[in-house]
Amino acid sequence: MVNLILFGPPGSGKGTQSANIIDKYGLIHLSTGDLLRSEIGNKTPLGMEAQKFMDQGLLVPDEVVIGMISSKLDSNPDARGFIFDGFPRTTAQAEALDKLLALKKTAISVVLSLEVPEEELVKRLLNRGLTSNRSDDANEDVVRARIVEYHNKTAPVADHYAKFGKFKKVKGEGTVEEIFGLLSNELDTLVGQPA
């Protein structure tokens, strides 16, 4: 089983490249945002627990999110692997995820980080803001603050996986196809032939 974390700041192309990776390699997309919405919508015990925190304007505790991830892993026993989206965002989450995966007799295979210069990210996000109707993409100060926040929060997670030789930087500039080619170079040896 191959477990991939795709990293990258806002505007780095994670969404586009995640879709490409899922299509080519048959990995299951594990988005914590989607999981939360699904669990709440299905009124599962974990979903109801998460709803209590969200109703108070609080972040859903890591152990609840880990429980949801565990359920998703259990419900896909024949999966080739998973691509983690939006998790882990902190070192504590990375450590909790590592423990969970160890219990499932698997582990994170690689963390691929899309590297894009800040000015290019700002340009991409402001362009996206023209059509996305996302207010956080329309204001340059907000865009820059999001990029700083990303680097502050995720740098320690990158360091965590780098300790185990699992962190790789991938150039996130060029055409979608060129960037996907670079990601594929990293994944072909791990995943084997596409699904």
Protein backbone atom coordinates (compact mmCIF):
# COMPACT_ATOMS: atom_id res chain seq x y z
CA MET A 1 0.00 0.00 0.00
CA VAL A 2 1.26 3.45 -0.94
CA ASN A 3 0.33 6.37 1.29
CA LEU A 4 1.14 9.78 -0.12
CA ILE A 5 0.93 13.23 1.40
CA LEU A 6 0.91 15.94 -1.26
CA PHE A 7 2.12 19.21 0.22
CA GLY A 8 2.18 22.66 -1.20
CA PRO A 9 1.14 26.18 -0.33
CA PRO A 10 -2.15 27.65 -1.55
CA GLY A 11 -1.99 27.98 -5.34
CA SER A 12 0.71 25.33 -5.82
CA GLY A 13 -1.60 23.06 -7.82
CA LYS A 14 -2.31 20.37 -5.21
CA GLY A 15 -5.94 19.97 -6.25
CA THR A 16 -5.12 19.57 -9.93
CA GLN A 17 -2.22 17.22 -9.31
CA SER A 18 -4.14 15.15 -6.72
CA ALA A 19 -6.80 14.47 -9.36
CA ASN A 20 -4.10 13.43 -11.85
CA ILE A 21 -2.45 11.11 -9.31
CA ILE A 22 -5.79 9.50 -8.39
CA ASP A 23 -6.61 8.94 -12.08
CA LYS A 24 -3.23 7.46 -12.96
CA TYR A 25 -2.43 5.37 -9.90
CA GLY A 26 -5.83 4.45 -8.49
CA LEU A 27 -5.14 5.86 -5.03
CA ILE A 28 -8.08 6.84 -2.85
CA HIS A 29 -8.40 10.55 -2.10
CA LEU A 30 -8.59 11.06 1.63
CA SER A 31 -9.65 14.65 2.26
CA THR A 32 -10.27 15.45 5.90
CA GLY A 33 -12.75 18.18 4.88
CA ASP A 34 -14.74 15.69 2.78
CA LEU A 35 -14.56 13.10 5.58
CA LEU A 36 -15.94 15.58 8.12
CA ARG A 37 -18.81 16.58 5.84
CA SER A 38 -19.63 12.93 5.07
CA GLU A 39 -19.54 11.79 8.71
CA ILE A 40 -21.69 14.75 9.79
CA GLY A 41 -24.10 14.22 6.88
CA ASN A 42 -24.44 10.52 7.74
CA LYS A 43 -24.88 11.38 11.43
CA THR A 44 -22.24 8.87 12.51
CA PRO A 45 -21.06 8.97 16.15
CA LEU A 46 -17.78 10.61 15.02
CA GLY A 47 -19.72 13.06 12.86
CA MET A 48 -21.97 14.05 15.75
CA GLU A 49 -18.91 14.50 17.96
CA ALA A 50 -17.27 16.71 15.31
CA GLN A 51 -20.48 18.74 14.91
CA LYS A 52 -20.47 19.60 18.64
CA PHE A 53 -17.05 21.23 18.31
CA MET A 54 -17.87 22.98 15.04
CA ASP A 55 -21.11 24.40 16.47
CA GLN A 56 -19.00 26.10 19.14
CA GLY A 57 -16.60 27.50 16.54
CA LEU A 58 -13.86 25.15 17.69
CA LEU A 59 -11.50 23.02 15.64
CA VAL A 60 -12.37 19.34 15.56
CA PRO A 61 -9.87 17.58 17.86
CA ASP A 62 -7.17 15.49 16.21
CA GLU A 63 -8.40 12.27 17.81
CA VAL A 64 -11.82 12.70 16.16
CA VAL A 65 -10.22 13.32 12.76
CA ILE A 66 -7.90 10.33 13.27
CA GLY A 67 -10.97 8.22 14.07
CA MET A 68 -12.55 9.26 10.77
CA ILE A 69 -9.34 8.46 8.88
CA SER A 70 -9.24 5.06 10.58
CA SER A 71 -12.81 4.33 9.44
CA LYS A 72 -11.97 5.35 5.86
CA LEU A 73 -8.91 3.07 5.84
CA ASP A 74 -10.96 0.17 7.24
CA SER A 75 -13.71 0.64 4.66
CA ASN A 76 -11.18 0.34 1.79
CA PRO A 77 -9.16 -2.80 2.64
CA ASP A 78 -8.21 -3.51 -0.99
CA ALA A 79 -6.98 0.01 -1.77
CA ARG A 80 -3.66 0.43 -3.60
CA GLY A 81 -3.10 3.36 -1.28
CA PHE A 82 -4.30 6.76 -0.20
CA ILE A 83 -3.45 10.36 -0.97
CA PHE A 84 -3.86 12.50 2.14
CA ASP A 85 -5.26 15.99 1.58
CA GLY A 86 -5.41 18.58 4.34
CA PHE A 87 -3.86 16.34 6.94
CA PRO A 88 -1.48 16.28 8.73
CA ARG A 89 -1.04 20.01 9.25
CA THR A 90 0.94 19.86 12.50
CA THR A 91 3.67 17.63 13.90
CA ALA A 92 1.22 16.26 16.50
CA GLN A 93 -1.13 15.26 13.67
CA ALA A 94 1.75 13.67 11.75
CA GLU A 95 2.74 11.63 14.81
CA ALA A 96 -0.88 10.56 15.40
CA LEU A 97 -1.24 9.57 11.74
CA ASP A 98 2.01 7.59 11.88
CA LYS A 99 0.74 5.68 14.95
CA LEU A 100 -2.60 4.94 13.28
CA LEU A 101 -0.95 3.69 10.09
CA ALA A 102 1.45 1.53 12.11
CA LEU A 103 -1.57 -0.12 13.77
CA LYS A 104 -2.89 -0.82 10.26
CA LYS A 105 0.51 -2.30 9.32
CA THR A 106 1.30 0.47 6.83
CA ALA A 107 3.00 3.88 6.84
CA ILE A 108 3.39 7.12 4.93
CA SER A 109 5.43 6.20 1.85
CA VAL A 110 6.42 9.69 0.74
CA VAL A 111 5.61 13.36 1.22
CA LEU A 112 5.85 15.23 -2.08
CA SER A 113 6.03 18.98 -1.72
CA LEU A 114 5.19 21.20 -4.69
CA GLU A 115 7.69 24.04 -4.57
CA VAL A 116 6.57 27.31 -6.15
CA PRO A 117 8.11 30.78 -5.59
CA GLU A 118 5.92 33.10 -3.53
CA GLU A 119 5.43 35.66 -6.31
CA GLU A 120 4.15 32.94 -8.65
CA LEU A 121 1.74 31.71 -5.94
CA VAL A 122 0.40 35.23 -5.40
CA LYS A 123 -0.10 35.66 -9.16
CA ARG A 124 -1.89 32.30 -9.48
CA LEU A 125 -4.18 32.93 -6.52
CA LEU A 126 -5.12 36.45 -7.59
CA ASN A 127 -5.89 35.12 -11.08
CA ARG A 128 -7.97 32.32 -9.54
CA GLY A 129 -9.74 34.94 -7.44
CA LEU A 130 -11.04 36.60 -10.61
CA THR A 131 -13.18 33.54 -11.38
CA SER A 132 -13.45 31.47 -8.17
CA ASN A 133 -15.62 33.86 -6.13
CA ARG A 134 -13.36 32.99 -3.20
CA SER A 135 -12.75 36.15 -1.18
CA ASP A 136 -9.51 34.69 0.21
CA ASP A 137 -8.12 34.57 -3.37
CA ALA A 138 -9.06 38.17 -4.24
CA ASN A 139 -7.02 40.16 -1.71
CA GLU A 140 -3.22 40.18 -2.06
CA ASP A 141 -2.62 40.79 1.66
CA VAL A 142 -4.84 37.81 2.57
CA VAL A 143 -3.12 35.66 -0.07
CA ARG A 144 0.33 36.51 1.31
CA ALA A 145 -0.84 35.86 4.89
CA ARG A 146 -2.14 32.41 3.86
CA ILE A 147 1.22 31.55 2.31
CA VAL A 148 3.10 32.64 5.46
CA GLU A 149 0.67 30.64 7.62
CA TYR A 150 1.21 27.58 5.44
CA HIS A 151 4.99 27.79 5.77
CA ASN A 152 4.85 28.37 9.54
CA LYS A 153 2.50 25.44 10.17
CA THR A 154 3.74 22.86 7.70
CA ALA A 155 7.50 23.38 7.88
CA PRO A 156 7.65 21.31 11.10
CA VAL A 157 5.62 18.52 9.42
CA ALA A 158 8.09 18.52 6.53
CA ASP A 159 10.95 18.28 9.04
CA HIS A 160 9.17 15.36 10.76
CA TYR A 161 9.04 13.29 7.56
CA ALA A 162 12.48 14.43 6.40
CA LYS A 163 13.92 12.73 9.52
CA PHE A 164 12.70 9.44 8.03
CA GLY A 165 13.91 10.22 4.50
CA LYS A 166 10.32 10.49 3.25
CA PHE A 167 10.20 14.16 2.24
CA LYS A 168 10.87 15.17 -1.37
CA LYS A 169 10.59 18.54 -3.06
CA VAL A 170 9.13 18.66 -6.56
CA LYS A 171 9.32 21.72 -8.83
CA GLY A 172 5.79 23.11 -9.02
CA GLU A 173 6.36 25.46 -11.93
CA GLY A 174 5.69 24.71 -15.58
CA THR A 175 2.71 23.22 -17.36
CA VAL A 176 0.34 20.90 -15.53
CA GLU A 177 1.76 18.05 -17.63
CA GLU A 178 5.39 18.91 -16.83
CA ILE A 179 4.71 19.05 -13.10
CA PHE A 180 2.73 15.80 -13.24
CA GLY A 181 5.67 14.20 -15.05
CA LEU A 182 7.95 15.14 -12.15
CA LEU A 183 5.48 13.76 -9.61
CA SER A 184 5.10 10.57 -11.67
CA ASN A 185 8.88 10.10 -11.66
CA GLU A 186 8.71 9.94 -7.86
CA LEU A 187 5.59 7.75 -7.74
CA ASP A 188 6.30 5.22 -10.49
CA THR A 189 8.91 3.43 -8.39
CA LEU A 190 6.67 3.42 -5.29
CA VAL A 191 3.32 2.54 -6.79
CA GLY A 192 4.41 0.47 -9.76
CA GLN A 193 2.38 0.45 -12.92
CA PRO A 194 -0.69 2.67 -13.03
CA ALA A 195 -4.06 1.18 -12.14
